[in-house]
């Protein structure tokens, strides 16, 4: 008899962007995995941006380094890195791409 097992864990640090595989995770008091959807992009009127509605998000590669508190994004031939303290610059990067 075989039993179910967990072979991989993925979190999506930024809603609608790339997943990241983690070796282990904790469940937060709210019941989600630590760092899963910790960040999100929002429209000008405050609604969460979704790849279902904004297809260009599928063209952006992302990586969140929680140890060094930084984001890396790739779009086209361009790669940009930002620290967690540069959220305004992250917003400018996405505004430039998405309009």
C-alpha atoms as a PDB file:
ATOM      1  CA  UNK A   1       0.000   0.000   0.000  1.00  0.00           C
ATOM      2  CA  UNK A   2       1.368   3.406  -0.906  1.00  0.00           C
ATOM      3  CA  UNK A   3       0.755   6.492   1.167  1.00  0.00           C
ATOM      4  CA  UNK A   4       0.544  10.075  -0.009  1.00  0.00           C
ATOM      5  CA  UNK A   5       3.648  12.133   0.564  1.00  0.00           C
ATOM      6  CA  UNK A   6       4.824  15.661   0.015  1.00  0.00           C
ATOM      7  CA  UNK A   7       7.533  15.773  -2.646  1.00  0.00           C
ATOM      8  CA  UNK A   8       7.888  19.546  -3.184  1.00  0.00           C
ATOM      9  CA  UNK A   9       6.705  22.786  -1.654  1.00  0.00           C
ATOM     10  CA  UNK A  10       6.225  25.922  -3.725  1.00  0.00           C
ATOM     11  CA  UNK A  11       5.302  29.379  -2.522  1.00  0.00           C
ATOM     12  CA  UNK A  12       4.339  32.375  -4.624  1.00  0.00           C
ATOM     13  CA  UNK A  13       6.075  35.273  -2.833  1.00  0.00           C
ATOM     14  CA  UNK A  14       4.463  37.828  -5.182  1.00  0.00           C
ATOM     15  CA  UNK A  15       0.861  37.127  -6.139  1.00  0.00           C
ATOM     16  CA  UNK A  16       0.554  36.196  -9.846  1.00  0.00           C
ATOM     17  CA  UNK A  17       4.324  35.996 -10.425  1.00  0.00           C
ATOM     18  CA  UNK A  18       6.756  33.046 -10.360  1.00  0.00           C
ATOM     19  CA  UNK A  19       6.665  30.321  -7.722  1.00  0.00           C
ATOM     20  CA  UNK A  20       9.729  29.414  -5.707  1.00  0.00           C
ATOM     21  CA  UNK A  21      10.496  25.957  -4.406  1.00  0.00           C
ATOM     22  CA  UNK A  22      11.340  25.838  -0.703  1.00  0.00           C
ATOM     23  CA  UNK A  23      12.844  22.933   1.225  1.00  0.00           C
ATOM     24  CA  UNK A  24      10.584  23.565   4.216  1.00  0.00           C
ATOM     25  CA  UNK A  25       7.989  26.057   5.326  1.00  0.00           C
ATOM     26  CA  UNK A  26       5.914  27.020   8.307  1.00  0.00           C
ATOM     27  CA  UNK A  27       2.211  27.549   8.483  1.00  0.00           C
ATOM     28  CA  UNK A  28       1.405  31.057   9.660  1.00  0.00           C
ATOM     29  CA  UNK A  29      -1.245  31.820  12.293  1.00  0.00           C
ATOM     30  CA  UNK A  30      -3.610  32.716   9.417  1.00  0.00           C
ATOM     31  CA  UNK A  31      -3.150  29.226   7.906  1.00  0.00           C
ATOM     32  CA  UNK A  32      -0.993  30.063   4.872  1.00  0.00           C
ATOM     33  CA  UNK A  33       2.588  29.038   4.135  1.00  0.00           C
ATOM     34  CA  UNK A  34       5.255  31.473   5.278  1.00  0.00           C
ATOM     35  CA  UNK A  35       6.124  33.940   2.459  1.00  0.00           C
ATOM     36  CA  UNK A  36       3.296  32.723   0.208  1.00  0.00           C
ATOM     37  CA  UNK A  37       1.756  35.774  -1.473  1.00  0.00           C
ATOM     38  CA  UNK A  38       3.567  38.040   0.955  1.00  0.00           C
ATOM     39  CA  UNK A  39       3.688  40.706  -1.757  1.00  0.00           C
ATOM     40  CA  UNK A  40       1.178  41.764  -4.407  1.00  0.00           C
ATOM     41  CA  UNK A  41       0.843  44.284  -7.205  1.00  0.00           C
ATOM     42  CA  UNK A  42      -2.128  46.644  -7.199  1.00  0.00           C
ATOM     43  CA  UNK A  43      -3.934  48.759  -9.758  1.00  0.00           C
ATOM     44  CA  UNK A  44      -4.150  52.520  -9.304  1.00  0.00           C
ATOM     45  CA  UNK A  45      -7.586  52.078  -7.725  1.00  0.00           C
ATOM     46  CA  UNK A  46      -6.203  49.619  -5.139  1.00  0.00           C
ATOM     47  CA  UNK A  47      -7.362  46.310  -6.611  1.00  0.00           C
ATOM     48  CA  UNK A  48      -4.921  43.363  -6.658  1.00  0.00           C
ATOM     49  CA  UNK A  49      -3.409  42.783 -10.091  1.00  0.00           C
ATOM     50  CA  UNK A  50      -3.895  39.282 -11.456  1.00  0.00           C
ATOM     51  CA  UNK A  51      -2.178  37.454 -14.300  1.00  0.00           C
ATOM     52  CA  UNK A  52      -5.642  36.265 -15.332  1.00  0.00           C
ATOM     53  CA  UNK A  53      -6.483  39.842 -16.292  1.00  0.00           C
ATOM     54  CA  UNK A  54      -3.004  41.233 -17.034  1.00  0.00           C
ATOM     55  CA  UNK A  55      -1.387  38.693 -19.366  1.00  0.00           C
ATOM     56  CA  UNK A  56       1.930  40.598 -19.563  1.00  0.00           C
ATOM     57  CA  UNK A  57       2.681  39.413 -16.016  1.00  0.00           C
ATOM     58  CA  UNK A  58       3.377  35.993 -17.546  1.00  0.00           C
ATOM     59  CA  UNK A  59       6.358  37.511 -19.377  1.00  0.00           C
ATOM     60  CA  UNK A  60       8.070  38.741 -16.190  1.00  0.00           C
ATOM     61  CA  UNK A  61      10.394  36.367 -14.338  1.00  0.00           C
ATOM     62  CA  UNK A  62      10.759  37.017 -10.646  1.00  0.00           C
ATOM     63  CA  UNK A  63      12.806  35.836  -7.689  1.00  0.00           C
ATOM     64  CA  UNK A  64      12.510  36.977  -4.083  1.00  0.00           C
ATOM     65  CA  UNK A  65      15.569  36.529  -1.855  1.00  0.00           C
ATOM     66  CA  UNK A  66      14.250  36.679   1.694  1.00  0.00           C
ATOM     67  CA  UNK A  67      17.710  36.230   3.237  1.00  0.00           C
ATOM     68  CA  UNK A  68      19.067  39.324   1.472  1.00  0.00           C
ATOM     69  CA  UNK A  69      15.688  41.098   1.337  1.00  0.00           C
ATOM     70  CA  UNK A  70      15.759  41.677  -2.396  1.00  0.00           C
ATOM     71  CA  UNK A  71      13.696  41.206  -5.547  1.00  0.00           C
ATOM     72  CA  UNK A  72      15.066  40.302  -8.982  1.00  0.00           C
ATOM     73  CA  UNK A  73      12.915  40.762 -12.070  1.00  0.00           C
ATOM     74  CA  UNK A  74      13.644  39.887 -15.694  1.00  0.00           C
ATOM     75  CA  UNK A  75      11.641  41.191 -18.608  1.00  0.00           C
ATOM     76  CA  UNK A  76      12.813  41.041 -22.210  1.00  0.00           C
ATOM     77  CA  UNK A  77      16.588  41.350 -22.067  1.00  0.00           C
ATOM     78  CA  UNK A  78      16.503  43.457 -18.932  1.00  0.00           C
ATOM     79  CA  UNK A  79      17.230  42.387 -15.339  1.00  0.00           C
ATOM     80  CA  UNK A  80      16.551  44.633 -12.350  1.00  0.00           C
ATOM     81  CA  UNK A  81      17.293  44.114  -8.657  1.00  0.00           C
ATOM     82  CA  UNK A  82      15.631  46.015  -5.826  1.00  0.00           C
ATOM     83  CA  UNK A  83      15.855  45.816  -2.059  1.00  0.00           C
ATOM     84  CA  UNK A  84      12.705  45.427   0.023  1.00  0.00           C
ATOM     85  CA  UNK A  85      13.147  49.084   1.003  1.00  0.00           C
ATOM     86  CA  UNK A  86      12.769  50.170  -2.655  1.00  0.00           C
ATOM     87  CA  UNK A  87       9.096  49.297  -3.151  1.00  0.00           C
ATOM     88  CA  UNK A  88       8.466  52.607  -4.934  1.00  0.00           C
ATOM     89  CA  UNK A  89      11.116  51.699  -7.527  1.00  0.00           C
ATOM     90  CA  UNK A  90       9.540  48.256  -7.902  1.00  0.00           C
ATOM     91  CA  UNK A  91       6.241  50.024  -8.642  1.00  0.00           C
ATOM     92  CA  UNK A  92       7.934  52.230 -11.234  1.00  0.00           C
ATOM     93  CA  UNK A  93       9.458  49.156 -12.907  1.00  0.00           C
ATOM     94  CA  UNK A  94       6.046  47.488 -13.238  1.00  0.00           C
ATOM     95  CA  UNK A  95       4.343  50.737 -14.303  1.00  0.00           C
ATOM     96  CA  UNK A  96       6.889  51.112 -17.087  1.00  0.00           C
ATOM     97  CA  UNK A  97       6.115  47.614 -18.358  1.00  0.00           C
ATOM     98  CA  UNK A  98       2.364  47.537 -17.797  1.00  0.00           C
ATOM     99  CA  UNK A  99       1.573  51.177 -18.451  1.00  0.00           C
END
